[in-house]
PDB file of all heavy atoms in Angstrom:
ATOM      1  N   GLY A   1       0.723  -1.160  -0.033  1.00  0.00           N
ATOM      2  CA  GLY A   1      -0.006   0.018   0.018  1.00  0.00           C
ATOM      3  C   GLY A   1       0.801   1.264  -0.001  1.00  0.00           C
ATOM      4  O   GLY A   1       0.444   2.344   0.544  1.00  0.00           O
ATOM      5  N   GLY A   2       2.004   1.239  -0.624  1.00  0.00           N
ATOM      6  CA  GLY A   2       2.827   2.414  -0.580  1.00  0.00           C
ATOM      7  C   GLY A   2       3.737   2.548   0.630  1.00  0.00           C
ATOM      8  O   GLY A   2       4.286   3.658   1.008  1.00  0.00           O
ATOM      9  N   HIS A   3       3.814   1.527   1.407  1.00  0.00           N
ATOM     10  CA  HIS A   3       4.505   1.485   2.763  1.00  0.00           C
ATOM     11  C   HIS A   3       5.523   0.364   2.792  1.00  0.00           C
ATOM     12  O   HIS A   3       5.739  -0.242   3.816  1.00  0.00           O
ATOM     13  CB  HIS A   3       3.510   1.244   3.829  1.00  0.00           C
ATOM     14  CG  HIS A   3       3.797   1.869   5.178  1.00  0.00           C
ATOM     15  ND1 HIS A   3       4.813   1.427   5.911  1.00  0.00           N
ATOM     16  CD2 HIS A   3       3.193   2.830   5.873  1.00  0.00           C
ATOM     17  CE1 HIS A   3       4.836   2.091   7.119  1.00  0.00           C
ATOM     18  NE2 HIS A   3       3.844   3.022   7.080  1.00  0.00           N
ATOM     19  N   GLY A   4       6.171   0.180   1.577  1.00  0.00           N
ATOM     20  CA  GLY A   4       6.904  -1.127   1.555  1.00  0.00           C
ATOM     21  C   GLY A   4       8.299  -1.236   1.300  1.00  0.00           C
ATOM     22  O   GLY A   4       8.891  -2.255   1.080  1.00  0.00           O
ATOM     23  N   VAL A   5       9.056  -0.066   1.544  1.00  0.00           N
ATOM     24  CA  VAL A   5      10.532  -0.208   1.363  1.00  0.00           C
ATOM     25  C   VAL A   5      11.085  -1.235   2.294  1.00  0.00           C
ATOM     26  O   VAL A   5      11.842  -2.127   1.895  1.00  0.00           O
ATOM     27  CB  VAL A   5      11.174   1.179   1.594  1.00  0.00           C
ATOM     28  CG1 VAL A   5      12.744   1.085   1.492  1.00  0.00           C
ATOM     29  CG2 VAL A   5      10.657   2.258   0.649  1.00  0.00           C
ATOM     30  N   ALA A   6      10.827  -1.056   3.639  1.00  0.00           N
ATOM     31  CA  ALA A   6      11.309  -2.129   4.527  1.00  0.00           C
ATOM     32  C   ALA A   6      10.469  -3.334   4.449  1.00  0.00           C
ATOM     33  O   ALA A   6      11.092  -4.528   4.550  1.00  0.00           O
ATOM     34  CB  ALA A   6      11.284  -1.459   5.964  1.00  0.00           C
ATOM     35  N   LEU A   7       9.125  -3.315   4.468  1.00  0.00           N
ATOM     36  CA  LEU A   7       8.331  -4.425   4.528  1.00  0.00           C
ATOM     37  C   LEU A   7       8.573  -5.331   3.250  1.00  0.00           C
ATOM     38  O   LEU A   7       8.587  -6.635   3.379  1.00  0.00           O
ATOM     39  CB  LEU A   7       6.852  -4.107   4.563  1.00  0.00           C
ATOM     40  CG  LEU A   7       6.417  -3.620   5.994  1.00  0.00           C
ATOM     41  CD1 LEU A   7       5.103  -2.857   5.870  1.00  0.00           C
ATOM     42  CD2 LEU A   7       6.290  -4.817   6.932  1.00  0.00           C
ATOM     43  N   ALA A   8       8.787  -4.811   2.128  1.00  0.00           N
ATOM     44  CA  ALA A   8       9.094  -5.553   0.882  1.00  0.00           C
ATOM     45  C   ALA A   8      10.387  -6.312   1.054  1.00  0.00           C
ATOM     46  O   ALA A   8      10.590  -7.480   0.698  1.00  0.00           O
ATOM     47  CB  ALA A   8       9.081  -4.750  -0.285  1.00  0.00           C
ATOM     48  N   THR A   9      11.430  -5.628   1.637  1.00  0.00           N
ATOM     49  CA  THR A   9      12.717  -6.287   1.798  1.00  0.00           C
ATOM     50  C   THR A   9      12.587  -7.421   2.790  1.00  0.00           C
ATOM     51  O   THR A   9      13.032  -8.574   2.505  1.00  0.00           O
ATOM     52  CB  THR A   9      13.725  -5.259   2.402  1.00  0.00           C
ATOM     53  OG1 THR A   9      13.849  -4.180   1.448  1.00  0.00           O
ATOM     54  CG2 THR A   9      15.055  -5.798   2.646  1.00  0.00           C
ATOM     55  N   TYR A  10      11.880  -7.191   3.887  1.00  0.00           N
ATOM     56  CA  TYR A  10      11.749  -8.190   4.912  1.00  0.00           C
ATOM     57  C   TYR A  10      10.987  -9.346   4.460  1.00  0.00           C
ATOM     58  O   TYR A  10      11.420 -10.461   4.697  1.00  0.00           O
ATOM     59  CB  TYR A  10      11.047  -7.451   6.121  1.00  0.00           C
ATOM     60  CG  TYR A  10      10.600  -8.306   7.295  1.00  0.00           C
ATOM     61  CD1 TYR A  10      11.487  -8.913   8.096  1.00  0.00           C
ATOM     62  CD2 TYR A  10       9.267  -8.378   7.554  1.00  0.00           C
ATOM     63  CE1 TYR A  10      11.077  -9.694   9.155  1.00  0.00           C
ATOM     64  CE2 TYR A  10       8.790  -9.080   8.756  1.00  0.00           C
ATOM     65  CZ  TYR A  10       9.703  -9.715   9.461  1.00  0.00           C
ATOM     66  OH  TYR A  10       9.233 -10.427  10.548  1.00  0.00           O
ATOM     67  N   LEU A  11       9.731  -9.102   3.869  1.00  0.00           N
ATOM     68  CA  LEU A  11       8.910 -10.247   3.422  1.00  0.00           C
ATOM     69  C   LEU A  11       9.497 -10.986   2.334  1.00  0.00           C
ATOM     70  O   LEU A  11       9.360 -12.250   2.227  1.00  0.00           O
ATOM     71  CB  LEU A  11       7.570  -9.710   3.162  1.00  0.00           C
ATOM     72  CG  LEU A  11       6.708  -9.349   4.475  1.00  0.00           C
ATOM     73  CD1 LEU A  11       5.277  -8.867   4.057  1.00  0.00           C
ATOM     74  CD2 LEU A  11       6.659 -10.454   5.438  1.00  0.00           C
ATOM     75  N   GLY A  12      10.266 -10.238   1.446  1.00  0.00           N
ATOM     76  CA  GLY A  12      10.966 -11.063   0.336  1.00  0.00           C
ATOM     77  C   GLY A  12      11.962 -11.929   0.953  1.00  0.00           C
ATOM     78  O   GLY A  12      12.105 -13.120   0.411  1.00  0.00           O
ATOM     79  N   MET A  13      12.694 -11.452   1.882  1.00  0.00           N
ATOM     80  CA  MET A  13      13.729 -12.440   2.569  1.00  0.00           C
ATOM     81  C   MET A  13      13.013 -13.591   3.209  1.00  0.00           C
ATOM     82  O   MET A  13      13.433 -14.736   3.090  1.00  0.00           O
ATOM     83  CB  MET A  13      14.516 -11.541   3.620  1.00  0.00           C
ATOM     84  CG  MET A  13      15.356 -10.542   3.091  1.00  0.00           C
ATOM     85  SD  MET A  13      16.049  -9.428   4.342  1.00  0.00           S
ATOM     86  CE  MET A  13      17.001 -10.559   5.330  1.00  0.00           C
ATOM     87  N   ARG A  14      11.925 -13.300   3.944  1.00  0.00           N
ATOM     88  CA  ARG A  14      11.278 -14.378   4.719  1.00  0.00           C
ATOM     89  C   ARG A  14      10.566 -15.377   3.768  1.00  0.00           C
ATOM     90  O   ARG A  14      10.580 -16.566   4.006  1.00  0.00           O
ATOM     91  CB  ARG A  14      10.181 -13.802   5.680  1.00  0.00           C
ATOM     92  CG  ARG A  14      10.812 -12.951   6.715  1.00  0.00           C
ATOM     93  CD  ARG A  14      11.774 -13.741   7.668  1.00  0.00           C
ATOM     94  NE  ARG A  14      12.528 -12.872   8.614  1.00  0.00           N
ATOM     95  CZ  ARG A  14      13.687 -12.482   8.495  1.00  0.00           C
ATOM     96  NH1 ARG A  14      14.399 -12.865   7.377  1.00  0.00           N
ATOM     97  NH2 ARG A  14      14.352 -11.716   9.333  1.00  0.00           N
ATOM     98  N   VAL A  15      10.001 -14.878   2.648  1.00  0.00           N
ATOM     99  CA  VAL A  15       9.471 -15.886   1.644  1.00  0.00           C
ATOM    100  C   VAL A  15      10.507 -16.692   1.037  1.00  0.00           C
ATOM    101  O   VAL A  15      10.320 -17.863   0.852  1.00  0.00           O
ATOM    102  CB  VAL A  15       8.671 -14.987   0.563  1.00  0.00           C
ATOM    103  CG1 VAL A  15       8.425 -15.854  -0.702  1.00  0.00           C
ATOM    104  CG2 VAL A  15       7.463 -14.476   1.130  1.00  0.00           C
ATOM    105  N   GLY A  16      11.661 -16.144   0.786  1.00  0.00           N
ATOM    106  CA  GLY A  16      12.781 -16.928   0.290  1.00  0.00           C
ATOM    107  C   GLY A  16      13.208 -17.918   1.272  1.00  0.00           C
ATOM    108  O   GLY A  16      13.456 -19.108   0.894  1.00  0.00           O
ATOM    109  N   GLU A  17      13.244 -17.665   2.593  1.00  0.00           N
ATOM    110  CA  GLU A  17      13.550 -18.626   3.624  1.00  0.00           C
ATOM    111  C   GLU A  17      12.505 -19.679   3.759  1.00  0.00           C
ATOM    112  O   GLU A  17      12.881 -20.853   3.928  1.00  0.00           O
ATOM    113  CB  GLU A  17      13.777 -17.821   4.942  1.00  0.00           C
ATOM    114  CG  GLU A  17      15.021 -16.935   4.982  1.00  0.00           C
ATOM    115  CD  GLU A  17      15.094 -16.117   6.244  1.00  0.00           C
ATOM    116  OE1 GLU A  17      14.084 -16.107   6.972  1.00  0.00           O
ATOM    117  OE2 GLU A  17      16.090 -15.355   6.434  1.00  0.00           O
ATOM    118  N   CYS A  18      11.281 -19.278   3.553  1.00  0.00           N
ATOM    119  CA  CYS A  18      10.179 -20.384   3.663  1.00  0.00           C
ATOM    120  C   CYS A  18      10.390 -21.353   2.508  1.00  0.00           C
ATOM    121  O   CYS A  18      10.210 -22.612   2.622  1.00  0.00           O
ATOM    122  CB  CYS A  18       8.870 -19.684   3.490  1.00  0.00           C
ATOM    123  SG  CYS A  18       8.336 -18.744   4.949  1.00  0.00           S
ATOM    124  N   LEU A  19      10.747 -20.838   1.298  1.00  0.00           N
ATOM    125  CA  LEU A  19      10.901 -21.772   0.153  1.00  0.00           C
ATOM    126  C   LEU A  19      12.120 -22.709   0.428  1.00  0.00           C
ATOM    127  O   LEU A  19      12.067 -23.842  -0.006  1.00  0.00           O
ATOM    128  CB  LEU A  19      11.219 -20.860  -1.113  1.00  0.00           C
ATOM    129  CG  LEU A  19      11.299 -21.562  -2.395  1.00  0.00           C
ATOM    130  CD1 LEU A  19      10.774 -20.758  -3.519  1.00  0.00           C
ATOM    131  CD2 LEU A  19      12.713 -21.987  -2.746  1.00  0.00           C
ATOM    132  N   LEU A  20      12.998 -22.334   1.245  1.00  0.00           N
ATOM    133  CA  LEU A  20      14.166 -23.152   1.617  1.00  0.00           C
ATOM    134  C   LEU A  20      13.861 -24.021   2.799  1.00  0.00           C
ATOM    135  O   LEU A  20      14.758 -24.804   3.156  1.00  0.00           O
ATOM    136  CB  LEU A  20      15.302 -22.312   1.986  1.00  0.00           C
ATOM    137  CG  LEU A  20      15.942 -21.411   0.839  1.00  0.00           C
ATOM    138  CD1 LEU A  20      16.987 -20.442   1.341  1.00  0.00           C
ATOM    139  CD2 LEU A  20      16.495 -22.236  -0.265  1.00  0.00           C
ATOM    140  N   GLY A  21      12.599 -23.955   3.242  1.00  0.00           N
ATOM    141  CA  GLY A  21      12.114 -24.945   4.276  1.00  0.00           C
ATOM    142  C   GLY A  21      12.139 -24.411   5.627  1.00  0.00           C
ATOM    143  O   GLY A  21      11.773 -25.140   6.619  1.00  0.00           O
ATOM    144  N   LYS A  22      12.478 -23.119   5.834  1.00  0.00           N
ATOM    145  CA  LYS A  22      12.375 -22.571   7.180  1.00  0.00           C
ATOM    146  C   LYS A  22      10.923 -22.179   7.476  1.00  0.00           C
ATOM    147  O   LYS A  22      10.107 -21.965   6.615  1.00  0.00           O
ATOM    148  CB  LYS A  22      13.329 -21.293   7.247  1.00  0.00           C
ATOM    149  CG  LYS A  22      14.763 -21.660   7.099  1.00  0.00           C
ATOM    150  CD  LYS A  22      15.631 -20.428   7.280  1.00  0.00           C
ATOM    151  CE  LYS A  22      17.113 -20.752   7.191  1.00  0.00           C
ATOM    152  NZ  LYS A  22      17.970 -19.629   7.350  1.00  0.00           N
ATOM    153  N   GLN A  23      10.697 -22.051   8.807  1.00  0.00           N
ATOM    154  CA  GLN A  23       9.243 -21.767   9.217  1.00  0.00           C
ATOM    155  C   GLN A  23       8.943 -20.326   8.907  1.00  0.00           C
ATOM    156  O   GLN A  23       9.814 -19.432   9.077  1.00  0.00           O
ATOM    157  CB  GLN A  23       9.226 -22.027  10.753  1.00  0.00           C
ATOM    158  CG  GLN A  23       7.798 -21.862  11.294  1.00  0.00           C
ATOM    159  CD  GLN A  23       7.722 -22.189  12.845  1.00  0.00           C
ATOM    160  OE1 GLN A  23       8.780 -22.527  13.415  1.00  0.00           O
ATOM    161  NE2 GLN A  23       6.567 -21.972  13.360  1.00  0.00           N
ATOM    162  N   ALA A  24       7.671 -20.099   8.485  1.00  0.00           N
ATOM    163  CA  ALA A  24       7.191 -18.708   8.325  1.00  0.00           C
ATOM    164  C   ALA A  24       6.984 -18.104   9.683  1.00  0.00           C
ATOM    165  O   ALA A  24       6.120 -18.423  10.434  1.00  0.00           O
ATOM    166  CB  ALA A  24       5.900 -18.780   7.536  1.00  0.00           C
ATOM    167  N   ASP A  25       7.866 -17.183   9.973  1.00  0.00           N
ATOM    168  CA  ASP A  25       7.904 -16.567  11.412  1.00  0.00           C
ATOM    169  C   ASP A  25       7.519 -15.206  11.407  1.00  0.00           C
ATOM    170  O   ASP A  25       7.860 -14.393  12.372  1.00  0.00           O
ATOM    171  CB  ASP A  25       9.277 -16.777  12.021  1.00  0.00           C
ATOM    172  CG  ASP A  25      10.406 -16.050  11.212  1.00  0.00           C
ATOM    173  OD1 ASP A  25      10.132 -15.549  10.159  1.00  0.00           O
ATOM    174  OD2 ASP A  25      11.472 -15.948  11.750  1.00  0.00           O
ATOM    175  N   THR A  26       6.682 -14.661  10.484  1.00  0.00           N
ATOM    176  CA  THR A  26       6.240 -13.291  10.555  1.00  0.00           C
ATOM    177  C   THR A  26       4.707 -13.295  10.728  1.00  0.00           C
ATOM    178  O   THR A  26       4.001 -14.207  10.410  1.00  0.00           O
ATOM    179  CB  THR A  26       6.501 -12.551   9.184  1.00  0.00           C
ATOM    180  OG1 THR A  26       5.462 -12.766   8.242  1.00  0.00           O
ATOM    181  CG2 THR A  26       7.836 -12.935   8.558  1.00  0.00           C
ATOM    182  N   PRO A  27       4.264 -12.243  11.366  1.00  0.00           N
ATOM    183  CA  PRO A  27       2.762 -12.131  11.628  1.00  0.00           C
ATOM    184  C   PRO A  27       1.903 -11.898  10.327  1.00  0.00           C
ATOM    185  O   PRO A  27       0.763 -11.962  10.380  1.00  0.00           O
ATOM    186  CB  PRO A  27       2.631 -10.951  12.536  1.00  0.00           C
ATOM    187  CG  PRO A  27       3.852 -10.072  12.234  1.00  0.00           C
ATOM    188  CD  PRO A  27       4.960 -11.060  11.875  1.00  0.00           C
ATOM    189  N   PHE A  28       2.631 -11.675   9.274  1.00  0.00           N
ATOM    190  CA  PHE A  28       1.867 -11.411   7.903  1.00  0.00           C
ATOM    191  C   PHE A  28       1.594 -12.710   7.186  1.00  0.00           C
ATOM    192  O   PHE A  28       0.955 -12.690   6.250  1.00  0.00           O
ATOM    193  CB  PHE A  28       2.726 -10.495   7.086  1.00  0.00           C
ATOM    194  CG  PHE A  28       3.111  -9.226   7.796  1.00  0.00           C
ATOM    195  CD1 PHE A  28       4.375  -9.053   8.310  1.00  0.00           C
ATOM    196  CD2 PHE A  28       2.153  -8.155   7.886  1.00  0.00           C
ATOM    197  CE1 PHE A  28       4.702  -7.859   9.053  1.00  0.00           C
ATOM    198  CE2 PHE A  28       2.523  -7.029   8.511  1.00  0.00           C
ATOM    199  CZ  PHE A  28       3.760  -6.818   9.147  1.00  0.00           C
ATOM    200  N   HIS A  29       2.128 -13.855   7.687  1.00  0.00           N
ATOM    201  CA  HIS A  29       2.063 -15.050   6.919  1.00  0.00           C
ATOM    202  C   HIS A  29       0.761 -15.867   7.137  1.00  0.00           C
ATOM    203  O   HIS A  29       0.299 -16.540   6.215  1.00  0.00           O
ATOM    204  CB  HIS A  29       3.194 -16.079   7.254  1.00  0.00           C
ATOM    205  CG  HIS A  29       4.407 -15.808   6.259  1.00  0.00           C
ATOM    206  ND1 HIS A  29       5.389 -14.852   6.496  1.00  0.00           N
ATOM    207  CD2 HIS A  29       4.759 -16.553   5.244  1.00  0.00           C
ATOM    208  CE1 HIS A  29       6.259 -14.903   5.536  1.00  0.00           C
ATOM    209  NE2 HIS A  29       5.962 -15.946   4.761  1.00  0.00           N
ATOM    210  N   ASP A  30       0.136 -15.746   8.268  1.00  0.00           N
ATOM    211  CA  ASP A  30      -0.989 -16.477   8.503  1.00  0.00           C
ATOM    212  C   ASP A  30      -2.260 -15.728   8.688  1.00  0.00           C
ATOM    213  O   ASP A  30      -3.247 -16.072   9.274  1.00  0.00           O
ATOM    214  CB  ASP A  30      -0.848 -17.439   9.767  1.00  0.00           C
ATOM    215  CG  ASP A  30      -0.421 -16.570  11.066  1.00  0.00           C
ATOM    216  OD1 ASP A  30      -0.254 -15.421  10.867  1.00  0.00           O
ATOM    217  OD2 ASP A  30      -0.498 -17.224  12.063  1.00  0.00           O
ATOM    218  N   LEU A  31      -2.267 -14.479   8.143  1.00  0.00           N
ATOM    219  CA  LEU A  31      -3.479 -13.601   8.095  1.00  0.00           C
ATOM    220  C   LEU A  31      -4.483 -14.142   7.151  1.00  0.00           C
ATOM    221  O   LEU A  31      -4.103 -14.535   6.052  1.00  0.00           O
ATOM    222  CB  LEU A  31      -3.086 -12.182   7.746  1.00  0.00           C
ATOM    223  CG  LEU A  31      -2.327 -11.297   8.812  1.00  0.00           C
ATOM    224  CD1 LEU A  31      -2.075  -9.991   8.209  1.00  0.00           C
ATOM    225  CD2 LEU A  31      -3.209 -11.225  10.093  1.00  0.00           C
ATOM    226  N   ARG A  32      -5.708 -14.112   7.482  1.00  0.00           N
ATOM    227  CA  ARG A  32      -6.755 -14.449   6.463  1.00  0.00           C
ATOM    228  C   ARG A  32      -6.687 -13.527   5.284  1.00  0.00           C
ATOM    229  O   ARG A  32      -6.589 -12.206   5.522  1.00  0.00           O
ATOM    230  CB  ARG A  32      -8.118 -14.321   7.155  1.00  0.00           C
ATOM    231  CG  ARG A  32      -9.238 -14.792   6.229  1.00  0.00           C
ATOM    232  CD  ARG A  32     -10.454 -15.011   6.972  1.00  0.00           C
ATOM    233  NE  ARG A  32     -11.671 -15.293   6.080  1.00  0.00           N
ATOM    234  CZ  ARG A  32     -12.797 -15.678   6.462  1.00  0.00           C
ATOM    235  NH1 ARG A  32     -13.047 -15.906   7.800  1.00  0.00           N
ATOM    236  NH2 ARG A  32     -13.787 -15.947   5.570  1.00  0.00           N
ATOM    237  N   PHE A  33      -6.752 -14.027   4.008  1.00  0.00           N
ATOM    238  CA  PHE A  33      -6.511 -13.197   2.880  1.00  0.00           C
ATOM    239  C   PHE A  33      -7.508 -13.578   1.803  1.00  0.00           C
ATOM    240  O   PHE A  33      -7.112 -14.277   0.810  1.00  0.00           O
ATOM    241  CB  PHE A  33      -5.010 -13.418   2.424  1.00  0.00           C
ATOM    242  CG  PHE A  33      -4.548 -12.380   1.400  1.00  0.00           C
ATOM    243  CD1 PHE A  33      -5.103 -11.154   1.317  1.00  0.00           C
ATOM    244  CD2 PHE A  33      -3.536 -12.637   0.567  1.00  0.00           C
ATOM    245  CE1 PHE A  33      -4.710 -10.191   0.334  1.00  0.00           C
ATOM    246  CE2 PHE A  33      -2.962 -11.721  -0.305  1.00  0.00           C
ATOM    247  CZ  PHE A  33      -3.667 -10.478  -0.408  1.00  0.00           C
TER     248      PHE A  33
END
């Protein structure tokens, strides 16, 4: 929503880690969407 410089960096990193088999450890991963 235009608030993404840090959040995009952070969630991009965490999504990459999830793909490598690590646990999704952010509060944004299990929100109803």
